């Protein structure tokens, strides 16, 4: 899949042959299960660009944070959690998903790919009690204050929330909505190879007590 390899190179991500094969196997599993489960609204090169490469735009920023654990909330098809787990094998990554059928897909992928650093947790966010160094999610609509409060609750001390976001106008709207419960430390513009849409990583932290 040249789209994947070219994208990885454009993102400046170093990878092994094994990691490339794992990403390709993951993509194949999404496409096979997608027909029945409706995991993502994309296939082929579009799937790679809009979902896999988009997820991988966070590899460098997350890797540089040098944290041990990460939770991918509302993981769905495992995005961005599984691509991150493949490229950041030193991190313990928990995929939090409440949909039973998506959990079945995630557990299947975890087993097939042999991802020892991945745990799949079937739970609603409000019932999660574990604390994580990093929490991430992909959502291109503003997050409601109630959800942001729940996200902050599972962050460990000095933890960071890494939000995959789209346009700055929506980001500014969200920041205003959640300013009472989360502080913005940094907004990192990212470019997804082959995609013209605006993308940003927004790094939140808990409000000082």
N, C-alpha and C. Protein backbone atom coordinates (compact mmCIF):
# COMPACT_ATOMS: atom_id res chain seq x y z
N UNK A 1 0.85 -1.20 0.00
CA UNK A 1 0.00 0.00 0.00
C UNK A 1 0.88 1.25 0.00
N UNK A 2 1.15 1.76 -1.18
CA UNK A 2 2.04 2.90 -1.31
C UNK A 2 1.50 4.14 -0.60
N UNK A 3 0.19 4.28 -0.55
CA UNK A 3 -0.40 5.44 0.13
C UNK A 3 0.04 5.46 1.59
N UNK A 4 0.02 4.30 2.24
CA UNK A 4 0.44 4.20 3.63
C UNK A 4 1.93 4.48 3.78
N UNK A 5 2.76 3.83 2.98
CA UNK A 5 4.20 4.01 3.10
C UNK A 5 4.62 5.44 2.79
N UNK A 6 4.06 6.01 1.73
CA UNK A 6 4.38 7.40 1.39
C UNK A 6 3.93 8.35 2.48
N UNK A 7 2.77 8.05 3.07
CA UNK A 7 2.25 8.89 4.14
C UNK A 7 3.12 8.85 5.37
N UNK A 8 3.58 7.66 5.75
CA UNK A 8 4.47 7.52 6.90
C UNK A 8 5.76 8.31 6.69
N UNK A 9 6.29 8.23 5.48
CA UNK A 9 7.52 8.97 5.18
C UNK A 9 7.28 10.48 5.23
N UNK A 10 6.14 10.91 4.69
CA UNK A 10 5.82 12.35 4.70
C UNK A 10 5.63 12.86 6.13
N UNK A 11 5.11 12.02 6.99
CA UNK A 11 4.93 12.40 8.40
C UNK A 11 6.25 12.33 9.18
N UNK A 12 7.28 11.78 8.56
CA UNK A 12 8.57 11.68 9.22
C UNK A 12 8.60 10.63 10.31
N UNK A 13 7.77 9.58 10.16
CA UNK A 13 7.68 8.53 11.17
C UNK A 13 8.60 7.36 10.78
N UNK A 14 9.50 7.01 11.66
CA UNK A 14 10.34 5.84 11.43
C UNK A 14 9.55 4.59 11.80
N UNK A 15 9.66 3.57 10.97
CA UNK A 15 8.90 2.36 11.22
C UNK A 15 9.68 1.14 10.74
N UNK A 16 9.36 0.01 11.33
CA UNK A 16 9.98 -1.24 10.93
C UNK A 16 9.09 -1.96 9.93
N UNK A 17 9.63 -2.98 9.28
CA UNK A 17 8.85 -3.78 8.35
C UNK A 17 7.69 -4.46 9.07
N UNK A 18 7.94 -4.89 10.32
CA UNK A 18 6.89 -5.52 11.11
C UNK A 18 5.75 -4.54 11.38
N UNK A 19 6.08 -3.30 11.72
CA UNK A 19 5.04 -2.30 11.99
C UNK A 19 4.23 -2.01 10.74
N UNK A 20 4.89 -1.94 9.60
CA UNK A 20 4.17 -1.71 8.35
C UNK A 20 3.19 -2.85 8.08
N UNK A 21 3.65 -4.09 8.29
CA UNK A 21 2.79 -5.25 8.08
C UNK A 21 1.61 -5.25 9.04
N UNK A 22 1.85 -4.84 10.30
CA UNK A 22 0.76 -4.77 11.28
C UNK A 22 -0.29 -3.73 10.86
N UNK A 23 0.15 -2.59 10.38
CA UNK A 23 -0.78 -1.56 9.92
C UNK A 23 -1.60 -2.07 8.74
N UNK A 24 -0.94 -2.75 7.81
CA UNK A 24 -1.65 -3.30 6.65
C UNK A 24 -2.67 -4.35 7.07
N UNK A 25 -2.30 -5.20 8.03
CA UNK A 25 -3.23 -6.23 8.52
C UNK A 25 -4.43 -5.56 9.21
N UNK A 26 -4.16 -4.53 9.96
CA UNK A 26 -5.23 -3.79 10.64
C UNK A 26 -6.19 -3.18 9.62
N UNK A 27 -5.64 -2.58 8.59
CA UNK A 27 -6.48 -1.98 7.54
C UNK A 27 -7.36 -3.05 6.89
N UNK A 28 -6.76 -4.22 6.63
CA UNK A 28 -7.52 -5.32 6.02
C UNK A 28 -8.67 -5.78 6.92
N UNK A 29 -8.41 -5.82 8.23
CA UNK A 29 -9.45 -6.23 9.18
C UNK A 29 -10.59 -5.22 9.22
N UNK A 30 -10.25 -3.93 9.20
CA UNK A 30 -11.30 -2.90 9.17
C UNK A 30 -12.18 -3.10 7.94
N UNK A 31 -11.55 -3.30 6.78
CA UNK A 31 -12.32 -3.42 5.54
C UNK A 31 -13.18 -4.68 5.54
N UNK A 32 -12.69 -5.76 6.16
CA UNK A 32 -13.46 -7.00 6.20
C UNK A 32 -14.66 -6.87 7.13
N UNK A 33 -14.44 -6.29 8.30
CA UNK A 33 -15.52 -6.15 9.29
C UNK A 33 -16.47 -4.99 8.96
N UNK A 34 -15.99 -4.06 8.18
CA UNK A 34 -16.76 -2.84 7.92
C UNK A 34 -18.08 -3.14 7.22
N UNK A 35 -18.09 -4.17 6.40
CA UNK A 35 -19.29 -4.51 5.64
C UNK A 35 -20.46 -4.86 6.56
N UNK A 36 -20.14 -5.50 7.69
CA UNK A 36 -21.20 -5.91 8.63
C UNK A 36 -21.38 -4.91 9.77
N UNK A 37 -20.28 -4.31 10.21
CA UNK A 37 -20.32 -3.52 11.43
C UNK A 37 -20.37 -2.01 11.20
N UNK A 38 -20.11 -1.56 9.98
CA UNK A 38 -20.13 -0.13 9.70
C UNK A 38 -19.18 0.66 10.59
N UNK A 39 -17.94 0.21 10.66
CA UNK A 39 -16.97 0.82 11.58
C UNK A 39 -16.58 2.24 11.16
N UNK A 40 -16.30 2.41 9.87
CA UNK A 40 -15.91 3.73 9.35
C UNK A 40 -16.59 3.94 8.00
N UNK A 41 -16.77 5.18 7.64
CA UNK A 41 -17.41 5.50 6.37
C UNK A 41 -16.35 5.77 5.30
N UNK A 42 -15.49 4.77 5.08
CA UNK A 42 -14.41 4.93 4.10
C UNK A 42 -13.83 3.56 3.78
N UNK A 43 -13.17 3.47 2.63
CA UNK A 43 -12.49 2.23 2.24
C UNK A 43 -11.31 2.58 1.34
N UNK A 44 -10.44 1.60 1.11
CA UNK A 44 -9.30 1.80 0.21
C UNK A 44 -8.38 2.92 0.65
N UNK A 45 -7.93 3.69 -0.32
CA UNK A 45 -7.00 4.78 -0.04
C UNK A 45 -7.62 5.84 0.87
N UNK A 46 -8.92 6.05 0.75
CA UNK A 46 -9.60 7.03 1.59
C UNK A 46 -9.55 6.62 3.06
N UNK A 47 -9.73 5.33 3.32
CA UNK A 47 -9.61 4.81 4.68
C UNK A 47 -8.21 5.08 5.24
N UNK A 48 -7.20 4.81 4.43
CA UNK A 48 -5.82 5.01 4.87
C UNK A 48 -5.56 6.48 5.18
N UNK A 49 -6.00 7.35 4.29
CA UNK A 49 -5.73 8.78 4.46
C UNK A 49 -6.52 9.38 5.60
N UNK A 50 -7.85 9.20 5.58
CA UNK A 50 -8.73 9.89 6.53
C UNK A 50 -8.69 9.31 7.94
N UNK A 51 -8.27 8.05 8.07
CA UNK A 51 -8.33 7.43 9.39
C UNK A 51 -6.97 6.96 9.91
N UNK A 52 -6.22 6.22 9.08
CA UNK A 52 -4.94 5.70 9.56
C UNK A 52 -3.89 6.80 9.65
N UNK A 53 -3.67 7.50 8.55
CA UNK A 53 -2.66 8.58 8.56
C UNK A 53 -3.08 9.72 9.48
N UNK A 54 -4.37 10.01 9.51
CA UNK A 54 -4.87 11.04 10.43
C UNK A 54 -4.54 10.66 11.87
N UNK A 55 -4.77 9.41 12.22
CA UNK A 55 -4.45 8.94 13.58
C UNK A 55 -2.96 9.05 13.88
N UNK A 56 -2.13 8.79 12.86
CA UNK A 56 -0.68 8.78 13.06
C UNK A 56 -0.06 10.17 13.14
N UNK A 57 -0.84 11.21 12.86
CA UNK A 57 -0.30 12.57 13.01
C UNK A 57 0.05 12.87 14.47
N UNK A 58 -0.47 12.07 15.39
CA UNK A 58 -0.19 12.31 16.81
C UNK A 58 1.03 11.56 17.33
N UNK A 59 1.64 10.70 16.51
CA UNK A 59 2.74 9.85 16.98
C UNK A 59 3.89 10.66 17.57
N UNK A 60 4.34 11.67 16.84
CA UNK A 60 5.51 12.43 17.31
C UNK A 60 5.20 13.18 18.60
N UNK A 61 4.09 13.90 18.63
CA UNK A 61 3.75 14.70 19.82
C UNK A 61 3.55 13.80 21.03
N UNK A 62 2.85 12.70 20.85
CA UNK A 62 2.59 11.79 21.98
C UNK A 62 3.87 11.09 22.41
N UNK A 63 4.68 10.67 21.44
CA UNK A 63 5.95 10.02 21.77
C UNK A 63 6.88 10.93 22.56
N UNK A 64 6.89 12.22 22.20
CA UNK A 64 7.77 13.18 22.88
C UNK A 64 7.32 13.48 24.30
N UNK A 65 6.08 13.16 24.63
CA UNK A 65 5.60 13.38 25.99
C UNK A 65 6.17 12.37 26.99
N UNK A 66 6.69 11.25 26.44
CA UNK A 66 7.37 10.24 27.26
C UNK A 66 6.53 9.79 28.47
N UNK A 67 5.31 9.39 28.20
CA UNK A 67 4.42 8.87 29.25
C UNK A 67 4.26 7.36 29.06
N UNK A 68 3.78 6.70 30.11
CA UNK A 68 3.68 5.24 30.09
C UNK A 68 2.33 4.71 29.62
N UNK A 69 1.26 5.42 29.97
CA UNK A 69 -0.07 4.88 29.68
C UNK A 69 -0.94 5.88 28.94
N UNK A 70 -1.79 5.35 28.08
CA UNK A 70 -2.68 6.19 27.28
C UNK A 70 -4.02 5.49 27.15
N UNK A 71 -5.10 6.25 27.28
CA UNK A 71 -6.45 5.74 27.05
C UNK A 71 -7.03 6.40 25.81
N UNK A 72 -7.54 5.58 24.89
CA UNK A 72 -8.23 6.07 23.70
C UNK A 72 -9.72 5.94 23.96
N UNK A 73 -10.37 7.07 24.18
CA UNK A 73 -11.78 7.09 24.60
C UNK A 73 -12.71 7.09 23.38
N UNK A 74 -13.74 6.25 23.44
CA UNK A 74 -14.65 6.13 22.30
C UNK A 74 -13.89 5.59 21.11
N UNK A 75 -13.12 4.55 21.34
CA UNK A 75 -12.14 4.07 20.36
C UNK A 75 -12.76 3.62 19.04
N UNK A 76 -13.99 3.12 19.08
CA UNK A 76 -14.67 2.73 17.84
C UNK A 76 -13.93 1.61 17.11
N UNK A 77 -13.36 1.94 15.96
CA UNK A 77 -12.60 0.96 15.18
C UNK A 77 -11.14 0.89 15.64
N UNK A 78 -10.84 1.56 16.77
CA UNK A 78 -9.47 1.55 17.28
C UNK A 78 -8.65 2.73 16.81
N UNK A 79 -9.34 3.82 16.52
CA UNK A 79 -8.70 5.01 15.98
C UNK A 79 -8.79 6.18 16.97
N UNK A 80 -7.66 6.71 17.40
CA UNK A 80 -6.29 6.48 16.93
C UNK A 80 -5.52 5.41 17.70
N UNK A 81 -6.15 4.74 18.67
CA UNK A 81 -5.43 3.89 19.61
C UNK A 81 -4.57 2.79 19.00
N UNK A 82 -5.12 2.04 18.03
CA UNK A 82 -4.35 0.92 17.48
C UNK A 82 -3.16 1.39 16.64
N UNK A 83 -3.33 2.36 15.72
CA UNK A 83 -2.14 2.86 15.02
C UNK A 83 -1.08 3.40 15.98
N UNK A 84 -1.50 4.07 17.04
CA UNK A 84 -0.54 4.57 18.03
C UNK A 84 0.15 3.41 18.74
N UNK A 85 -0.61 2.37 19.07
CA UNK A 85 -0.03 1.21 19.75
C UNK A 85 1.01 0.51 18.89
N UNK A 86 0.77 0.47 17.59
CA UNK A 86 1.72 -0.18 16.67
C UNK A 86 3.01 0.62 16.56
N UNK A 87 2.90 1.94 16.48
CA UNK A 87 4.09 2.78 16.29
C UNK A 87 4.75 3.19 17.61
N UNK A 88 4.03 3.05 18.73
CA UNK A 88 4.59 3.39 20.05
C UNK A 88 4.46 2.16 20.96
N UNK A 89 5.17 1.08 20.64
CA UNK A 89 4.99 -0.19 21.36
C UNK A 89 5.38 -0.15 22.83
N UNK A 90 6.11 0.88 23.25
CA UNK A 90 6.51 0.99 24.66
C UNK A 90 5.37 1.48 25.55
N UNK A 91 4.33 2.03 24.95
CA UNK A 91 3.21 2.58 25.72
C UNK A 91 2.14 1.53 25.97
N UNK A 92 1.55 1.57 27.17
CA UNK A 92 0.40 0.73 27.48
C UNK A 92 -0.85 1.50 27.08
N UNK A 93 -1.58 0.96 26.13
CA UNK A 93 -2.72 1.68 25.56
C UNK A 93 -4.01 0.92 25.83
N UNK A 94 -4.97 1.63 26.41
CA UNK A 94 -6.28 1.07 26.70
C UNK A 94 -7.31 1.66 25.74
N UNK A 95 -8.03 0.79 25.06
CA UNK A 95 -9.09 1.22 24.14
C UNK A 95 -10.40 1.15 24.89
N UNK A 96 -11.02 2.30 25.15
CA UNK A 96 -12.28 2.34 25.88
C UNK A 96 -13.43 2.51 24.90
N UNK A 97 -14.33 1.53 24.89
CA UNK A 97 -15.44 1.52 23.94
C UNK A 97 -16.66 0.88 24.60
N UNK A 98 -17.82 1.50 24.43
CA UNK A 98 -19.02 0.96 25.08
C UNK A 98 -19.87 0.07 24.16
N UNK A 99 -19.64 0.14 22.84
CA UNK A 99 -20.41 -0.67 21.90
C UNK A 99 -19.87 -2.10 21.86
N UNK A 100 -20.73 -3.06 22.18
CA UNK A 100 -20.32 -4.46 22.22
C UNK A 100 -19.75 -4.97 20.91
N UNK A 101 -20.37 -4.61 19.79
CA UNK A 101 -19.89 -5.13 18.50
C UNK A 101 -18.53 -4.53 18.15
N UNK A 102 -18.32 -3.27 18.51
CA UNK A 102 -17.00 -2.68 18.25
C UNK A 102 -15.94 -3.26 19.17
N UNK A 103 -16.34 -3.58 20.40
CA UNK A 103 -15.42 -4.23 21.34
C UNK A 103 -14.99 -5.59 20.78
N UNK A 104 -15.92 -6.31 20.17
CA UNK A 104 -15.58 -7.61 19.57
C UNK A 104 -14.54 -7.42 18.47
N UNK A 105 -14.74 -6.40 17.66
CA UNK A 105 -13.77 -6.11 16.60
C UNK A 105 -12.40 -5.77 17.19
N UNK A 106 -12.38 -4.92 18.20
CA UNK A 106 -11.12 -4.50 18.81
C UNK A 106 -10.38 -5.67 19.44
N UNK A 107 -11.10 -6.53 20.12
CA UNK A 107 -10.45 -7.69 20.75
C UNK A 107 -9.93 -8.66 19.69
N UNK A 108 -10.65 -8.79 18.60
CA UNK A 108 -10.18 -9.62 17.50
C UNK A 108 -8.87 -9.08 16.93
N UNK A 109 -8.83 -7.77 16.69
CA UNK A 109 -7.62 -7.14 16.14
C UNK A 109 -6.45 -7.25 17.12
N UNK A 110 -6.72 -7.02 18.40
CA UNK A 110 -5.66 -7.11 19.41
C UNK A 110 -5.03 -8.50 19.41
N UNK A 111 -5.87 -9.52 19.29
CA UNK A 111 -5.37 -10.90 19.28
C UNK A 111 -4.64 -11.22 17.98
N UNK A 112 -5.23 -10.86 16.85
CA UNK A 112 -4.64 -11.18 15.55
C UNK A 112 -3.28 -10.51 15.37
N UNK A 113 -3.18 -9.25 15.81
CA UNK A 113 -1.94 -8.49 15.64
C UNK A 113 -0.94 -8.76 16.76
N UNK A 114 -1.38 -9.47 17.81
CA UNK A 114 -0.48 -9.76 18.92
C UNK A 114 -0.01 -8.51 19.64
N UNK A 115 -0.92 -7.56 19.83
CA UNK A 115 -0.54 -6.28 20.46
C UNK A 115 -0.58 -6.44 21.99
N UNK A 116 0.56 -6.81 22.55
CA UNK A 116 0.65 -7.06 23.99
C UNK A 116 0.50 -5.79 24.81
N UNK A 117 0.70 -4.63 24.17
CA UNK A 117 0.59 -3.35 24.89
C UNK A 117 -0.82 -2.76 24.84
N UNK A 118 -1.78 -3.53 24.30
CA UNK A 118 -3.16 -3.03 24.16
C UNK A 118 -4.11 -3.81 25.07
N UNK A 119 -4.98 -3.05 25.76
CA UNK A 119 -6.07 -3.61 26.55
C UNK A 119 -7.37 -3.02 26.02
N UNK A 120 -8.38 -3.85 25.85
CA UNK A 120 -9.69 -3.37 25.41
C UNK A 120 -10.63 -3.36 26.60
N UNK A 121 -11.21 -2.21 26.88
CA UNK A 121 -12.11 -2.05 28.02
C UNK A 121 -13.52 -1.71 27.52
N UNK A 122 -14.45 -2.64 27.75
CA UNK A 122 -15.85 -2.39 27.37
C UNK A 122 -16.52 -1.64 28.51
N UNK A 123 -16.71 -0.34 28.33
CA UNK A 123 -17.27 0.48 29.41
C UNK A 123 -17.73 1.82 28.89
N UNK A 124 -18.69 2.38 29.58
CA UNK A 124 -19.08 3.77 29.36
C UNK A 124 -18.08 4.64 30.10
N UNK A 125 -17.72 5.75 29.51
CA UNK A 125 -16.71 6.63 30.09
C UNK A 125 -17.02 6.99 31.54
N UNK A 126 -18.28 7.18 31.86
CA UNK A 126 -18.65 7.60 33.22
C UNK A 126 -18.37 6.52 34.26
N UNK A 127 -18.16 5.27 33.81
CA UNK A 127 -17.91 4.17 34.74
C UNK A 127 -16.43 3.79 34.85
N UNK A 128 -15.58 4.51 34.14
CA UNK A 128 -14.14 4.22 34.16
C UNK A 128 -13.52 4.87 35.40
N UNK A 129 -12.79 4.09 36.17
CA UNK A 129 -12.17 4.60 37.41
C UNK A 129 -10.65 4.66 37.32
N UNK A 130 -10.06 3.98 36.35
CA UNK A 130 -8.60 3.98 36.18
C UNK A 130 -8.12 5.38 35.80
N UNK A 131 -6.87 5.70 36.16
CA UNK A 131 -6.25 6.96 35.79
C UNK A 131 -5.17 6.69 34.76
N UNK A 132 -5.02 7.60 33.79
CA UNK A 132 -4.05 7.42 32.72
C UNK A 132 -3.17 8.67 32.57
N UNK A 133 -1.94 8.44 32.12
CA UNK A 133 -1.01 9.56 31.89
C UNK A 133 -1.51 10.45 30.76
N UNK A 134 -2.03 9.80 29.72
CA UNK A 134 -2.55 10.52 28.56
C UNK A 134 -3.92 9.97 28.20
N UNK A 135 -4.78 10.84 27.72
CA UNK A 135 -6.09 10.42 27.20
C UNK A 135 -6.22 11.05 25.82
N UNK A 136 -6.72 10.28 24.87
CA UNK A 136 -6.88 10.82 23.52
C UNK A 136 -8.24 10.45 22.95
N UNK A 137 -8.67 11.22 21.98
CA UNK A 137 -9.90 10.91 21.26
C UNK A 137 -9.92 11.71 19.96
N UNK A 138 -10.70 11.22 19.00
CA UNK A 138 -10.91 11.93 17.74
C UNK A 138 -12.37 12.35 17.68
N UNK A 139 -12.59 13.64 17.63
CA UNK A 139 -13.97 14.16 17.52
C UNK A 139 -13.89 15.53 16.89
N UNK A 140 -14.52 15.67 15.75
CA UNK A 140 -14.39 16.92 15.02
C UNK A 140 -15.55 17.89 15.26
N UNK A 141 -16.37 17.57 16.28
CA UNK A 141 -17.37 18.51 16.75
C UNK A 141 -16.97 18.94 18.16
N UNK A 142 -17.37 20.13 18.59
CA UNK A 142 -17.02 20.56 19.95
C UNK A 142 -17.52 19.58 21.01
N UNK A 143 -16.67 19.31 21.99
CA UNK A 143 -17.03 18.39 23.07
C UNK A 143 -17.81 19.14 24.15
N UNK A 144 -18.89 18.54 24.61
CA UNK A 144 -19.72 19.17 25.63
C UNK A 144 -18.99 19.19 26.98
N UNK A 145 -19.27 20.19 27.81
CA UNK A 145 -18.62 20.29 29.12
C UNK A 145 -18.76 19.02 29.97
N UNK A 146 -19.92 18.36 29.92
CA UNK A 146 -20.12 17.15 30.73
C UNK A 146 -19.13 16.06 30.32
N UNK A 147 -18.92 15.90 29.01
CA UNK A 147 -17.97 14.90 28.51
C UNK A 147 -16.55 15.30 28.88
N UNK A 148 -16.22 16.57 28.74
CA UNK A 148 -14.87 17.02 29.09
C UNK A 148 -14.58 16.77 30.57
N UNK A 149 -15.57 16.97 31.41
CA UNK A 149 -15.40 16.71 32.84
C UNK A 149 -15.07 15.23 33.09
N UNK A 150 -15.74 14.34 32.38
CA UNK A 150 -15.48 12.91 32.52
C UNK A 150 -14.08 12.55 32.01
N UNK A 151 -13.66 13.20 30.93
CA UNK A 151 -12.32 12.97 30.40
C UNK A 151 -11.25 13.42 31.40
N UNK A 152 -11.48 14.56 32.01
CA UNK A 152 -10.54 15.08 33.00
C UNK A 152 -10.46 14.15 34.22
N UNK A 153 -11.57 13.50 34.54
CA UNK A 153 -11.61 12.62 35.71
C UNK A 153 -10.73 11.39 35.58
N UNK A 154 -10.42 10.97 34.35
CA UNK A 154 -9.58 9.78 34.20
C UNK A 154 -8.12 10.13 33.92
N UNK A 155 -7.80 11.41 33.95
CA UNK A 155 -6.41 11.84 33.79
C UNK A 155 -5.68 11.71 35.12
N UNK A 156 -4.49 11.12 35.08
CA UNK A 156 -3.66 11.04 36.27
C UNK A 156 -3.04 12.40 36.59
N UNK A 157 -2.29 12.46 37.67
CA UNK A 157 -1.63 13.70 38.06
C UNK A 157 -0.71 14.15 36.94
N UNK A 158 -0.81 15.43 36.59
CA UNK A 158 -0.02 16.02 35.50
C UNK A 158 -0.29 15.35 34.15
N UNK A 159 -1.47 14.74 34.02
CA UNK A 159 -1.82 14.10 32.76
C UNK A 159 -2.17 15.10 31.68
N UNK A 160 -2.26 14.61 30.45
CA UNK A 160 -2.59 15.45 29.32
C UNK A 160 -3.67 14.78 28.47
N UNK A 161 -4.58 15.60 27.99
CA UNK A 161 -5.61 15.14 27.06
C UNK A 161 -5.22 15.60 25.66
N UNK A 162 -5.05 14.66 24.75
CA UNK A 162 -4.67 14.97 23.38
C UNK A 162 -5.89 14.78 22.48
N UNK A 163 -6.45 15.89 22.04
CA UNK A 163 -7.67 15.85 21.24
C UNK A 163 -7.35 16.05 19.77
N UNK A 164 -7.76 15.09 18.95
CA UNK A 164 -7.61 15.22 17.49
C UNK A 164 -8.78 16.08 17.01
N UNK A 165 -8.44 17.23 16.44
CA UNK A 165 -9.48 18.19 16.07
C UNK A 165 -9.32 18.70 14.64
N UNK A 166 -10.38 19.33 14.15
CA UNK A 166 -10.38 19.88 12.80
C UNK A 166 -10.10 21.37 12.78
N UNK A 167 -11.12 22.14 12.39
CA UNK A 167 -10.94 23.57 12.16
C UNK A 167 -10.78 24.36 13.45
N UNK A 168 -9.96 25.42 13.36
CA UNK A 168 -9.71 26.28 14.51
C UNK A 168 -10.99 26.95 15.01
N UNK A 169 -11.92 27.24 14.13
CA UNK A 169 -13.15 27.91 14.57
C UNK A 169 -13.93 26.99 15.53
N UNK A 170 -13.91 25.68 15.25
CA UNK A 170 -14.57 24.74 16.15
C UNK A 170 -13.77 24.55 17.44
N UNK A 171 -12.45 24.58 17.32
CA UNK A 171 -11.59 24.46 18.49
C UNK A 171 -11.82 25.63 19.43
N UNK A 172 -11.88 26.83 18.89
CA UNK A 172 -12.11 28.02 19.72
C UNK A 172 -13.46 27.95 20.41
N UNK A 173 -14.44 27.41 19.70
CA UNK A 173 -15.78 27.24 20.29
C UNK A 173 -15.71 26.27 21.46
N UNK A 174 -14.99 25.16 21.28
CA UNK A 174 -14.87 24.17 22.33
C UNK A 174 -14.13 24.71 23.54
N UNK A 175 -13.03 25.41 23.28
CA UNK A 175 -12.24 25.99 24.38
C UNK A 175 -13.11 26.88 25.25
N UNK A 176 -13.96 27.64 24.61
CA UNK A 176 -14.85 28.53 25.35
C UNK A 176 -15.86 27.72 26.18
N UNK A 177 -16.34 26.62 25.61
CA UNK A 177 -17.34 25.79 26.30
C UNK A 177 -16.77 25.10 27.54
N UNK A 178 -15.47 24.72 27.49
CA UNK A 178 -14.90 23.89 28.56
C UNK A 178 -13.87 24.63 29.41
N UNK A 179 -13.81 25.94 29.29
CA UNK A 179 -12.76 26.71 29.96
C UNK A 179 -12.80 26.61 31.49
N UNK A 180 -13.95 26.23 32.05
CA UNK A 180 -14.06 26.10 33.50
C UNK A 180 -13.46 24.81 34.03
N UNK A 181 -13.23 23.84 33.15
CA UNK A 181 -12.78 22.52 33.62
C UNK A 181 -11.49 22.03 32.99
N UNK A 182 -11.01 22.70 31.95
CA UNK A 182 -9.78 22.26 31.29
C UNK A 182 -8.98 23.45 30.79
N UNK A 183 -7.67 23.33 30.88
CA UNK A 183 -6.77 24.37 30.39
C UNK A 183 -6.10 23.90 29.11
N UNK A 184 -5.96 24.80 28.15
CA UNK A 184 -5.27 24.47 26.90
C UNK A 184 -3.80 24.82 27.03
N UNK A 185 -2.95 23.79 26.86
CA UNK A 185 -1.52 24.04 26.95
C UNK A 185 -0.90 24.36 25.61
N UNK A 186 -1.41 23.71 24.55
CA UNK A 186 -0.80 23.88 23.23
C UNK A 186 -1.78 23.43 22.16
N UNK A 187 -1.71 24.09 21.01
CA UNK A 187 -2.45 23.66 19.83
C UNK A 187 -1.42 23.41 18.74
N UNK A 188 -1.35 22.16 18.26
CA UNK A 188 -0.33 21.78 17.29
C UNK A 188 -0.97 21.54 15.93
N UNK A 189 -0.71 22.40 14.95
CA UNK A 189 -1.22 22.15 13.60
C UNK A 189 -0.55 20.92 13.02
N UNK A 190 -1.32 20.05 12.41
CA UNK A 190 -0.76 18.86 11.77
C UNK A 190 -1.30 18.77 10.34
N UNK A 191 -0.53 18.13 9.50
CA UNK A 191 -0.92 17.96 8.10
C UNK A 191 -1.04 16.48 7.79
N UNK A 192 -2.20 16.06 7.31
CA UNK A 192 -2.42 14.66 6.96
C UNK A 192 -2.07 14.48 5.47
N UNK A 193 -1.09 13.65 5.15
CA UNK A 193 -0.72 13.44 3.75
C UNK A 193 -1.92 13.03 2.90
N UNK A 194 -2.12 13.78 1.81
CA UNK A 194 -3.22 13.46 0.90
C UNK A 194 -4.56 14.05 1.29
N UNK A 195 -4.59 14.82 2.39
CA UNK A 195 -5.85 15.40 2.86
C UNK A 195 -5.70 16.91 3.00
N UNK A 196 -6.61 17.66 2.38
CA UNK A 196 -6.54 19.12 2.43
C UNK A 196 -7.21 19.70 3.68
N UNK A 197 -8.00 18.89 4.37
CA UNK A 197 -8.75 19.40 5.52
C UNK A 197 -7.81 19.86 6.64
N UNK A 198 -8.25 20.91 7.33
CA UNK A 198 -7.48 21.44 8.46
C UNK A 198 -7.53 20.46 9.63
N UNK A 199 -6.37 20.21 10.24
CA UNK A 199 -6.27 19.32 11.39
C UNK A 199 -5.36 19.94 12.44
N UNK A 200 -5.72 19.72 13.69
CA UNK A 200 -4.93 20.22 14.82
C UNK A 200 -5.00 19.22 15.97
N UNK A 201 -3.93 19.17 16.75
CA UNK A 201 -3.94 18.44 18.01
C UNK A 201 -4.05 19.48 19.12
N UNK A 202 -5.04 19.32 19.97
CA UNK A 202 -5.22 20.26 21.07
C UNK A 202 -4.83 19.55 22.36
N UNK A 203 -3.87 20.12 23.09
CA UNK A 203 -3.37 19.50 24.32
C UNK A 203 -3.99 20.21 25.51
N UNK A 204 -4.84 19.48 26.23
CA UNK A 204 -5.50 20.02 27.42
C UNK A 204 -4.85 19.44 28.69
N UNK A 205 -4.98 20.18 29.77
CA UNK A 205 -4.60 19.67 31.08
C UNK A 205 -5.68 20.08 32.09
N UNK A 206 -5.62 19.50 33.28
CA UNK A 206 -6.62 19.83 34.29
C UNK A 206 -6.40 21.25 34.80
N UNK A 207 -7.49 21.88 35.17
CA UNK A 207 -7.42 23.23 35.74
C UNK A 207 -6.70 23.15 37.11
N UNK A 208 -5.81 24.08 37.38
CA UNK A 208 -5.17 24.10 38.71
C UNK A 208 -6.21 24.22 39.82
N UNK A 209 -5.99 23.48 40.89
CA UNK A 209 -6.94 23.51 42.02
C UNK A 209 -6.74 24.78 42.82
